[in-house]
Amino acid sequence: MWTLHDNYNDSISHCWSNSIVGCPMHVLTKKLQLLINSLKSRNWDIFGNTHVIVKNSSNNLAKIEDKIFLDGNNPHLRDQEQLAQLYLEKSLEERKILVG
């Protein structure tokens, strides 16, 4: 998922190009720590809290379905329902990829 986002390679290059002094194992460990922190930060900035996004998407879909139940077969509500279902599916897929 990260690899598909803009500036992914720049972010990796930036972490790896830091000059760290020490034995090779120490340098590798420090660079990996920098990379992990960078990826965690990017994950939150780009994708947000996926659990909250899925919950909100599900709640939005439920509200639209309730309106359809109360108002009957309204074409505008059916379109909203279809979009909400697509957004929920996308959110679930992103969470599955990110969480594992």
PDB file of N, CA and C in Angstrom:
ATOM      1  N   MET A   1       0.819  -1.180   0.000  1.00  0.00           N
ATOM      2  CA  MET A   1       0.000   0.000   0.000  1.00  0.00           C
ATOM      3  C   MET A   1       0.872   1.256   0.000  1.00  0.00           C
ATOM      4  N   TRP A   2       1.899   1.264   0.845  1.00  0.00           N
ATOM      5  CA  TRP A   2       2.790   2.434   0.889  1.00  0.00           C
ATOM      6  C   TRP A   2       3.484   2.634  -0.449  1.00  0.00           C
ATOM      7  N   THR A   3       3.861   1.540  -1.073  1.00  0.00           N
ATOM      8  CA  THR A   3       4.633   1.633  -2.312  1.00  0.00           C
ATOM      9  C   THR A   3       3.848   2.273  -3.442  1.00  0.00           C
ATOM     10  N   LEU A   4       2.528   2.290  -3.336  1.00  0.00           N
ATOM     11  CA  LEU A   4       1.690   2.883  -4.373  1.00  0.00           C
ATOM     12  C   LEU A   4       1.537   4.385  -4.208  1.00  0.00           C
ATOM     13  N   HIS A   5       1.945   4.908  -3.074  1.00  0.00           N
ATOM     14  CA  HIS A   5       1.739   6.325  -2.787  1.00  0.00           C
ATOM     15  C   HIS A   5       2.896   7.170  -3.316  1.00  0.00           C
ATOM     16  N   ASP A   6       2.566   8.409  -3.679  1.00  0.00           N
ATOM     17  CA  ASP A   6       3.587   9.353  -4.145  1.00  0.00           C
ATOM     18  C   ASP A   6       4.646   9.560  -3.069  1.00  0.00           C
ATOM     19  N   ASN A   7       5.838   9.809  -3.478  1.00  0.00           N
ATOM     20  CA  ASN A   7       6.974  10.129  -2.607  1.00  0.00           C
ATOM     21  C   ASN A   7       7.432   8.962  -1.733  1.00  0.00           C
ATOM     22  N   TYR A   8       6.961   7.762  -1.999  1.00  0.00           N
ATOM     23  CA  TYR A   8       7.400   6.612  -1.210  1.00  0.00           C
ATOM     24  C   TYR A   8       8.909   6.423  -1.342  1.00  0.00           C
ATOM     25  N   ASN A   9       9.389   6.410  -2.570  1.00  0.00           N
ATOM     26  CA  ASN A   9      10.828   6.205  -2.800  1.00  0.00           C
ATOM     27  C   ASN A   9      11.662   7.327  -2.202  1.00  0.00           C
ATOM     28  N   ASP A  10      11.163   8.563  -2.277  1.00  0.00           N
ATOM     29  CA  ASP A  10      11.880   9.692  -1.679  1.00  0.00           C
ATOM     30  C   ASP A  10      11.987   9.527  -0.168  1.00  0.00           C
ATOM     31  N   SER A  11      10.913   9.055   0.440  1.00  0.00           N
ATOM     32  CA  SER A  11      10.911   8.852   1.888  1.00  0.00           C
ATOM     33  C   SER A  11      11.931   7.788   2.289  1.00  0.00           C
ATOM     34  N   ILE A  12      11.982   6.704   1.543  1.00  0.00           N
ATOM     35  CA  ILE A  12      12.949   5.632   1.820  1.00  0.00           C
ATOM     36  C   ILE A  12      14.372   6.149   1.628  1.00  0.00           C
ATOM     37  N   SER A  13      14.598   6.851   0.535  1.00  0.00           N
ATOM     38  CA  SER A  13      15.935   7.393   0.247  1.00  0.00           C
ATOM     39  C   SER A  13      16.382   8.364   1.329  1.00  0.00           C
ATOM     40  N   HIS A  14      15.459   9.188   1.791  1.00  0.00           N
ATOM     41  CA  HIS A  14      15.793  10.163   2.832  1.00  0.00           C
ATOM     42  C   HIS A  14      16.235   9.451   4.113  1.00  0.00           C
ATOM     43  N   CYS A  15      15.503   8.430   4.531  1.00  0.00           N
ATOM     44  CA  CYS A  15      15.873   7.690   5.746  1.00  0.00           C
ATOM     45  C   CYS A  15      17.212   6.979   5.570  1.00  0.00           C
ATOM     46  N   TRP A  16      17.418   6.404   4.414  1.00  0.00           N
ATOM     47  CA  TRP A  16      18.620   5.605   4.181  1.00  0.00           C
ATOM     48  C   TRP A  16      19.858   6.459   3.947  1.00  0.00           C
ATOM     49  N   SER A  17      19.676   7.708   3.532  1.00  0.00           N
ATOM     50  CA  SER A  17      20.836   8.559   3.239  1.00  0.00           C
ATOM     51  C   SER A  17      21.380   9.276   4.476  1.00  0.00           C
ATOM     52  N   ASN A  18      20.726   9.134   5.619  1.00  0.00           N
ATOM     53  CA  ASN A  18      21.242   9.747   6.848  1.00  0.00           C
ATOM     54  C   ASN A  18      22.614   9.178   7.178  1.00  0.00           C
ATOM     55  N   SER A  19      23.496  10.055   7.611  1.00  0.00           N
ATOM     56  CA  SER A  19      24.846   9.640   7.970  1.00  0.00           C
ATOM     57  C   SER A  19      24.868   9.240   9.440  1.00  0.00           C
ATOM     58  N   ILE A  20      25.160   7.979   9.693  1.00  0.00           N
ATOM     59  CA  ILE A  20      25.204   7.462  11.056  1.00  0.00           C
ATOM     60  C   ILE A  20      26.573   6.822  11.256  1.00  0.00           C
ATOM     61  N   VAL A  21      27.178   7.130  12.404  1.00  0.00           N
ATOM     62  CA  VAL A  21      28.523   6.644  12.703  1.00  0.00           C
ATOM     63  C   VAL A  21      28.418   5.450  13.641  1.00  0.00           C
ATOM     64  N   GLY A  22      29.230   4.438  13.390  1.00  0.00           N
ATOM     65  CA  GLY A  22      29.272   3.271  14.256  1.00  0.00           C
ATOM     66  C   GLY A  22      29.572   2.021  13.455  1.00  0.00           C
ATOM     67  N   CYS A  23      29.516   0.895  14.150  1.00  0.00           N
ATOM     68  CA  CYS A  23      29.751  -0.375  13.464  1.00  0.00           C
ATOM     69  C   CYS A  23      28.589  -0.644  12.502  1.00  0.00           C
ATOM     70  N   PRO A  24      28.809  -1.476  11.492  1.00  0.00           N
ATOM     71  CA  PRO A  24      27.773  -1.711  10.479  1.00  0.00           C
ATOM     72  C   PRO A  24      26.417  -2.148  11.056  1.00  0.00           C
ATOM     73  N   MET A  25      26.433  -2.989  12.102  1.00  0.00           N
ATOM     74  CA  MET A  25      25.166  -3.436  12.687  1.00  0.00           C
ATOM     75  C   MET A  25      24.429  -2.275  13.353  1.00  0.00           C
ATOM     76  N   HIS A  26      25.164  -1.384  14.012  1.00  0.00           N
ATOM     77  CA  HIS A  26      24.567  -0.208  14.645  1.00  0.00           C
ATOM     78  C   HIS A  26      23.971   0.718  13.583  1.00  0.00           C
ATOM     79  N   VAL A  27      24.699   0.943  12.504  1.00  0.00           N
ATOM     80  CA  VAL A  27      24.222   1.805  11.416  1.00  0.00           C
ATOM     81  C   VAL A  27      22.939   1.229  10.822  1.00  0.00           C
ATOM     82  N   LEU A  28      22.939  -0.074  10.557  1.00  0.00           N
ATOM     83  CA  LEU A  28      21.752  -0.726   9.996  1.00  0.00           C
ATOM     84  C   LEU A  28      20.559  -0.604  10.942  1.00  0.00           C
ATOM     85  N   THR A  29      20.782  -0.858  12.220  1.00  0.00           N
ATOM     86  CA  THR A  29      19.703  -0.779  13.206  1.00  0.00           C
ATOM     87  C   THR A  29      19.117   0.622  13.271  1.00  0.00           C
ATOM     88  N   LYS A  30      19.964   1.629  13.317  1.00  0.00           N
ATOM     89  CA  LYS A  30      19.493   3.019  13.397  1.00  0.00           C
ATOM     90  C   LYS A  30      18.714   3.421  12.143  1.00  0.00           C
ATOM     91  N   LYS A  31      19.214   3.019  10.981  1.00  0.00           N
ATOM     92  CA  LYS A  31      18.516   3.360   9.735  1.00  0.00           C
ATOM     93  C   LYS A  31      17.157   2.665   9.662  1.00  0.00           C
ATOM     94  N   LEU A  32      17.095   1.423  10.123  1.00  0.00           N
ATOM     95  CA  LEU A  32      15.810   0.723  10.149  1.00  0.00           C
ATOM     96  C   LEU A  32      14.840   1.386  11.125  1.00  0.00           C
ATOM     97  N   GLN A  33      15.344   1.864  12.258  1.00  0.00           N
ATOM     98  CA  GLN A  33      14.487   2.583  13.206  1.00  0.00           C
ATOM     99  C   GLN A  33      13.942   3.865  12.583  1.00  0.00           C
ATOM    100  N   LEU A  34      14.793   4.595  11.885  1.00  0.00           N
ATOM    101  CA  LEU A  34      14.344   5.806  11.194  1.00  0.00           C
ATOM    102  C   LEU A  34      13.274   5.476  10.156  1.00  0.00           C
ATOM    103  N   LEU A  35      13.498   4.399   9.417  1.00  0.00           N
ATOM    104  CA  LEU A  35      12.547   3.993   8.389  1.00  0.00           C
ATOM    105  C   LEU A  35      11.209   3.582   9.003  1.00  0.00           C
ATOM    106  N   ILE A  36      11.242   2.818  10.071  1.00  0.00           N
ATOM    107  CA  ILE A  36      10.011   2.388  10.740  1.00  0.00           C
ATOM    108  C   ILE A  36       9.223   3.593  11.225  1.00  0.00           C
ATOM    109  N   ASN A  37       9.898   4.529  11.871  1.00  0.00           N
ATOM    110  CA  ASN A  37       9.208   5.728  12.365  1.00  0.00           C
ATOM    111  C   ASN A  37       8.612   6.541  11.221  1.00  0.00           C
ATOM    112  N   SER A  38       9.344   6.635  10.127  1.00  0.00           N
ATOM    113  CA  SER A  38       8.855   7.365   8.962  1.00  0.00           C
ATOM    114  C   SER A  38       7.615   6.692   8.379  1.00  0.00           C
ATOM    115  N   LEU A  39       7.649   5.367   8.246  1.00  0.00           N
ATOM    116  CA  LEU A  39       6.506   4.639   7.683  1.00  0.00           C
ATOM    117  C   LEU A  39       5.287   4.708   8.596  1.00  0.00           C
ATOM    118  N   LYS A  40       5.508   4.640   9.903  1.00  0.00           N
ATOM    119  CA  LYS A  40       4.382   4.765  10.839  1.00  0.00           C
ATOM    120  C   LYS A  40       3.724   6.128  10.712  1.00  0.00           C
ATOM    121  N   SER A  41       4.543   7.151  10.643  1.00  0.00           N
ATOM    122  CA  SER A  41       4.022   8.511  10.515  1.00  0.00           C
ATOM    123  C   SER A  41       3.272   8.679   9.199  1.00  0.00           C
ATOM    124  N   ARG A  42       3.858   8.202   8.112  1.00  0.00           N
ATOM    125  CA  ARG A  42       3.203   8.293   6.796  1.00  0.00           C
ATOM    126  C   ARG A  42       1.900   7.507   6.792  1.00  0.00           C
ATOM    127  N   ASN A  43       1.909   6.347   7.421  1.00  0.00           N
ATOM    128  CA  ASN A  43       0.711   5.521   7.487  1.00  0.00           C
ATOM    129  C   ASN A  43      -0.436   6.302   8.117  1.00  0.00           C
ATOM    130  N   TRP A  44      -0.162   6.948   9.239  1.00  0.00           N
ATOM    131  CA  TRP A  44      -1.203   7.710   9.931  1.00  0.00           C
ATOM    132  C   TRP A  44      -1.617   8.934   9.114  1.00  0.00           C
ATOM    133  N   ASP A  45      -0.641   9.651   8.575  1.00  0.00           N
ATOM    134  CA  ASP A  45      -0.951  10.866   7.805  1.00  0.00           C
ATOM    135  C   ASP A  45      -1.742  10.563   6.538  1.00  0.00           C
ATOM    136  N   ILE A  46      -1.412   9.475   5.886  1.00  0.00           N
ATOM    137  CA  ILE A  46      -2.028   9.168   4.597  1.00  0.00           C
ATOM    138  C   ILE A  46      -3.327   8.386   4.754  1.00  0.00           C
ATOM    139  N   PHE A  47      -3.310   7.371   5.582  1.00  0.00           N
ATOM    140  CA  PHE A  47      -4.464   6.484   5.665  1.00  0.00           C
ATOM    141  C   PHE A  47      -5.343   6.734   6.885  1.00  0.00           C
ATOM    142  N   GLY A  48      -4.830   7.424   7.887  1.00  0.00           N
ATOM    143  CA  GLY A  48      -5.617   7.709   9.081  1.00  0.00           C
ATOM    144  C   GLY A  48      -5.876   6.452   9.893  1.00  0.00           C
ATOM    145  N   ASN A  49      -6.825   6.567  10.791  1.00  0.00           N
ATOM    146  CA  ASN A  49      -7.206   5.438  11.626  1.00  0.00           C
ATOM    147  C   ASN A  49      -8.209   4.596  10.849  1.00  0.00           C
ATOM    148  N   THR A  50      -7.762   3.502  10.286  1.00  0.00           N
ATOM    149  CA  THR A  50      -8.615   2.701   9.409  1.00  0.00           C
ATOM    150  C   THR A  50      -9.818   2.115  10.135  1.00  0.00           C
ATOM    151  N   HIS A  51      -9.681   1.828  11.435  1.00  0.00           N
ATOM    152  CA  HIS A  51     -10.813   1.280  12.188  1.00  0.00           C
ATOM    153  C   HIS A  51     -11.937   2.309  12.289  1.00  0.00           C
ATOM    154  N   VAL A  52     -11.584   3.554  12.538  1.00  0.00           N
ATOM    155  CA  VAL A  52     -12.583   4.621  12.623  1.00  0.00           C
ATOM    156  C   VAL A  52     -13.214   4.870  11.255  1.00  0.00           C
ATOM    157  N   ILE A  53     -12.410   4.850  10.217  1.00  0.00           N
ATOM    158  CA  ILE A  53     -12.929   5.070   8.863  1.00  0.00           C
ATOM    159  C   ILE A  53     -13.933   3.981   8.493  1.00  0.00           C
ATOM    160  N   VAL A  54     -13.628   2.724   8.807  1.00  0.00           N
ATOM    161  CA  VAL A  54     -14.548   1.622   8.516  1.00  0.00           C
ATOM    162  C   VAL A  54     -15.829   1.774   9.329  1.00  0.00           C
ATOM    163  N   LYS A  55     -15.695   2.119  10.598  1.00  0.00           N
ATOM    164  CA  LYS A  55     -16.879   2.291  11.454  1.00  0.00           C
ATOM    165  C   LYS A  55     -17.767   3.413  10.921  1.00  0.00           C
ATOM    166  N   ASN A  56     -17.172   4.541  10.570  1.00  0.00           N
ATOM    167  CA  ASN A  56     -17.946   5.665  10.032  1.00  0.00           C
ATOM    168  C   ASN A  56     -18.604   5.303   8.705  1.00  0.00           C
ATOM    169  N   SER A  57     -17.901   4.578   7.861  1.00  0.00           N
ATOM    170  CA  SER A  57     -18.460   4.148   6.576  1.00  0.00           C
ATOM    171  C   SER A  57     -19.652   3.223   6.787  1.00  0.00           C
ATOM    172  N   SER A  58     -19.509   2.318   7.731  1.00  0.00           N
ATOM    173  CA  SER A  58     -20.592   1.385   8.037  1.00  0.00           C
ATOM    174  C   SER A  58     -21.810   2.120   8.598  1.00  0.00           C
ATOM    175  N   ASN A  59     -21.565   3.072   9.496  1.00  0.00           N
ATOM    176  CA  ASN A  59     -22.666   3.864  10.063  1.00  0.00           C
ATOM    177  C   ASN A  59     -23.365   4.683   8.987  1.00  0.00           C
ATOM    178  N   ASN A  60     -22.601   5.261   8.077  1.00  0.00           N
ATOM    179  CA  ASN A  60     -23.177   6.045   6.988  1.00  0.00           C
ATOM    180  C   ASN A  60     -24.069   5.169   6.104  1.00  0.00           C
ATOM    181  N   LEU A  61     -23.595   3.986   5.780  1.00  0.00           N
ATOM    182  CA  LEU A  61     -24.384   3.065   4.966  1.00  0.00           C
ATOM    183  C   LEU A  61     -25.671   2.673   5.694  1.00  0.00           C
ATOM    184  N   ALA A  62     -25.581   2.413   6.987  1.00  0.00           N
ATOM    185  CA  ALA A  62     -26.767   2.043   7.766  1.00  0.00           C
ATOM    186  C   ALA A  62     -27.800   3.171   7.777  1.00  0.00           C
ATOM    187  N   LYS A  63     -27.347   4.413   7.901  1.00  0.00           N
ATOM    188  CA  LYS A  63     -28.269   5.555   7.886  1.00  0.00           C
ATOM    189  C   LYS A  63     -28.993   5.662   6.545  1.00  0.00           C
ATOM    190  N   ILE A  64     -28.252   5.481   5.475  1.00  0.00           N
ATOM    191  CA  ILE A  64     -28.858   5.548   4.139  1.00  0.00           C
ATOM    192  C   ILE A  64     -29.869   4.417   3.960  1.00  0.00           C
ATOM    193  N   GLU A  65     -29.518   3.222   4.427  1.00  0.00           N
ATOM    194  CA  GLU A  65     -30.441   2.092   4.316  1.00  0.00           C
ATOM    195  C   GLU A  65     -31.697   2.323   5.147  1.00  0.00           C
ATOM    196  N   ASP A  66     -31.556   2.954   6.309  1.00  0.00           N
ATOM    197  CA  ASP A  66     -32.728   3.305   7.123  1.00  0.00           C
ATOM    198  C   ASP A  66     -33.630   4.285   6.387  1.00  0.00           C
ATOM    199  N   LYS A  67     -33.029   5.273   5.725  1.00  0.00           N
ATOM    200  CA  LYS A  67     -33.816   6.241   4.950  1.00  0.00           C
ATOM    201  C   LYS A  67     -34.558   5.543   3.813  1.00  0.00           C
ATOM    202  N   ILE A  68     -33.895   4.601   3.164  1.00  0.00           N
ATOM    203  CA  ILE A  68     -34.536   3.855   2.075  1.00  0.00           C
ATOM    204  C   ILE A  68     -35.718   3.062   2.622  1.00  0.00           C
ATOM    205  N   PHE A  69     -35.537   2.467   3.786  1.00  0.00           N
ATOM    206  CA  PHE A  69     -36.611   1.697   4.411  1.00  0.00           C
ATOM    207  C   PHE A  69     -37.807   2.594   4.724  1.00  0.00           C
ATOM    208  N   LEU A  70     -37.544   3.801   5.222  1.00  0.00           N
ATOM    209  CA  LEU A  70     -38.623   4.719   5.602  1.00  0.00           C
ATOM    210  C   LEU A  70     -39.244   5.434   4.409  1.00  0.00           C
ATOM    211  N   ASP A  71     -38.418   5.844   3.447  1.00  0.00           N
ATOM    212  CA  ASP A  71     -38.899   6.662   2.327  1.00  0.00           C
ATOM    213  C   ASP A  71     -39.291   5.853   1.096  1.00  0.00           C
ATOM    214  N   GLY A  72     -38.980   4.602   1.081  1.00  0.00           N
ATOM    215  CA  GLY A  72     -39.300   3.795  -0.090  1.00  0.00           C
ATOM    216  C   GLY A  72     -38.185   3.831  -1.116  1.00  0.00           C
ATOM    217  N   ASN A  73     -38.509   3.438  -2.307  1.00  0.00           N
ATOM    218  CA  ASN A  73     -37.515   3.290  -3.365  1.00  0.00           C
ATOM    219  C   ASN A  73     -37.242   4.630  -4.038  1.00  0.00           C
ATOM    220  N   ASN A  74     -36.324   5.386  -3.475  1.00  0.00           N
ATOM    221  CA  ASN A  74     -35.935   6.692  -3.993  1.00  0.00           C
ATOM    222  C   ASN A  74     -34.639   6.515  -4.793  1.00  0.00           C
ATOM    223  N   PRO A  75     -34.641   6.879  -6.080  1.00  0.00           N
ATOM    224  CA  PRO A  75     -33.427   6.684  -6.903  1.00  0.00           C
ATOM    225  C   PRO A  75     -32.196   7.409  -6.351  1.00  0.00           C
ATOM    226  N   HIS A  76     -32.403   8.600  -5.788  1.00  0.00           N
ATOM    227  CA  HIS A  76     -31.277   9.352  -5.223  1.00  0.00           C
ATOM    228  C   HIS A  76     -30.675   8.599  -4.033  1.00  0.00           C
ATOM    229  N   LEU A  77     -31.529   8.047  -3.174  1.00  0.00           N
ATOM    230  CA  LEU A  77     -31.036   7.280  -2.028  1.00  0.00           C
ATOM    231  C   LEU A  77     -30.349   5.990  -2.477  1.00  0.00           C
ATOM    232  N   ARG A  78     -30.856   5.377  -3.528  1.00  0.00           N
ATOM    233  CA  ARG A  78     -30.221   4.157  -4.055  1.00  0.00           C
ATOM    234  C   ARG A  78     -28.810   4.462  -4.571  1.00  0.00           C
ATOM    235  N   ASP A  79     -28.660   5.615  -5.217  1.00  0.00           N
ATOM    236  CA  ASP A  79     -27.328   6.029  -5.683  1.00  0.00           C
ATOM    237  C   ASP A  79     -26.392   6.267  -4.503  1.00  0.00           C
ATOM    238  N   GLN A  80     -26.919   6.931  -3.467  1.00  0.00           N
ATOM    239  CA  GLN A  80     -26.114   7.170  -2.260  1.00  0.00           C
ATOM    240  C   GLN A  80     -25.723   5.849  -1.606  1.00  0.00           C
ATOM    241  N   GLU A  81     -26.665   4.913  -1.576  1.00  0.00           N
ATOM    242  CA  GLU A  81     -26.389   3.605  -0.981  1.00  0.00           C
ATOM    243  C   GLU A  81     -25.270   2.892  -1.740  1.00  0.00           C
ATOM    244  N   GLN A  82     -25.336   2.945  -3.048  1.00  0.00           N
ATOM    245  CA  GLN A  82     -24.318   2.288  -3.869  1.00  0.00           C
ATOM    246  C   GLN A  82     -22.932   2.903  -3.632  1.00  0.00           C
ATOM    247  N   LEU A  83     -22.879   4.231  -3.564  1.00  0.00           N
ATOM    248  CA  LEU A  83     -21.599   4.901  -3.290  1.00  0.00           C
ATOM    249  C   LEU A  83     -21.084   4.562  -1.894  1.00  0.00           C
ATOM    250  N   ALA A  84     -21.988   4.532  -0.916  1.00  0.00           N
ATOM    251  CA  ALA A  84     -21.596   4.210   0.459  1.00  0.00           C
ATOM    252  C   ALA A  84     -21.078   2.780   0.551  1.00  0.00           C
ATOM    253  N   GLN A  85     -21.694   1.857  -0.188  1.00  0.00           N
ATOM    254  CA  GLN A  85     -21.217   0.472  -0.195  1.00  0.00           C
ATOM    255  C   GLN A  85     -19.819   0.373  -0.800  1.00  0.00           C
ATOM    256  N   LEU A  86     -19.604   1.095  -1.888  1.00  0.00           N
ATOM    257  CA  LEU A  86     -18.277   1.092  -2.518  1.00  0.00           C
ATOM    258  C   LEU A  86     -17.217   1.660  -1.580  1.00  0.00           C
ATOM    259  N   TYR A  87     -17.558   2.753  -0.889  1.00  0.00           N
ATOM    260  CA  TYR A  87     -16.606   3.373   0.032  1.00  0.00           C
ATOM    261  C   TYR A  87     -16.305   2.436   1.198  1.00  0.00           C
ATOM    262  N   LEU A  88     -17.334   1.752   1.710  1.00  0.00           N
ATOM    263  CA  LEU A  88     -17.121   0.802   2.800  1.00  0.00           C
ATOM    264  C   LEU A  88     -16.225  -0.346   2.340  1.00  0.00           C
ATOM    265  N   GLU A  89     -16.479  -0.876   1.161  1.00  0.00           N
ATOM    266  CA  GLU A  89     -15.643  -1.959   0.632  1.00  0.00           C
ATOM    267  C   GLU A  89     -14.191  -1.509   0.474  1.00  0.00           C
ATOM    268  N   LYS A  90     -13.992  -0.294  -0.027  1.00  0.00           N
ATOM    269  CA  LYS A  90     -12.638   0.250  -0.183  1.00  0.00           C
ATOM    270  C   LYS A  90     -11.964   0.400   1.178  1.00  0.00           C
ATOM    271  N   SER A  91     -12.706   0.898   2.162  1.00  0.00           N
ATOM    272  CA  SER A  91     -12.161   1.080   3.511  1.00  0.00           C
ATOM    273  C   SER A  91     -11.783  -0.257   4.129  1.00  0.00           C
ATOM    274  N   LEU A  92     -12.636  -1.264   3.948  1.00  0.00           N
ATOM    275  CA  LEU A  92     -12.342  -2.592   4.485  1.00  0.00           C
ATOM    276  C   LEU A  92     -11.106  -3.196   3.822  1.00  0.00           C
ATOM    277  N   GLU A  93     -10.973  -2.996   2.530  1.00  0.00           N
ATOM    278  CA  GLU A  93      -9.814  -3.519   1.807  1.00  0.00           C
ATOM    279  C   GLU A  93      -8.524  -2.840   2.276  1.00  0.00           C
ATOM    280  N   GLU A  94      -8.568  -1.526   2.458  1.00  0.00           N
ATOM    281  CA  GLU A  94      -7.385  -0.806   2.948  1.00  0.00           C
ATOM    282  C   GLU A  94      -7.006  -1.276   4.341  1.00  0.00           C
ATOM    283  N   ARG A  95      -8.018  -1.462   5.206  1.00  0.00           N
ATOM    284  CA  ARG A  95      -7.725  -1.929   6.562  1.00  0.00           C
ATOM    285  C   ARG A  95      -7.122  -3.326   6.515  1.00  0.00           C
ATOM    286  N   LYS A  96      -7.650  -4.177   5.647  1.00  0.00           N
ATOM    287  CA  LYS A  96      -7.129  -5.542   5.522  1.00  0.00           C
ATOM    288  C   LYS A  96      -5.668  -5.522   5.090  1.00  0.00           C
ATOM    289  N   ILE A  97      -5.339  -4.663   4.142  1.00  0.00           N
ATOM    290  CA  ILE A  97      -3.961  -4.567   3.655  1.00  0.00           C
ATOM    291  C   ILE A  97      -3.039  -4.024   4.743  1.00  0.00           C
ATOM    292  N   LEU A  98      -3.491  -2.988   5.449  1.00  0.00           N
ATOM    293  CA  LEU A  98      -2.635  -2.341   6.444  1.00  0.00           C
ATOM    294  C   LEU A  98      -2.502  -3.147   7.725  1.00  0.00           C
ATOM    295  N   VAL A  99      -3.586  -3.777   8.157  1.00  0.00           N
ATOM    296  CA  VAL A  99      -3.570  -4.495   9.428  1.00  0.00           C
ATOM    297  C   VAL A  99      -3.106  -5.928   9.236  1.00  0.00           C
ATOM    298  N   GLY A 100      -3.460  -6.501   8.125  1.00  0.00           N
ATOM    299  CA  GLY A 100      -3.011  -7.857   7.837  1.00  0.00           C
ATOM    300  C   GLY A 100      -4.058  -8.895   8.013  1.00  0.00           C
TER     301      GLY A 100
END
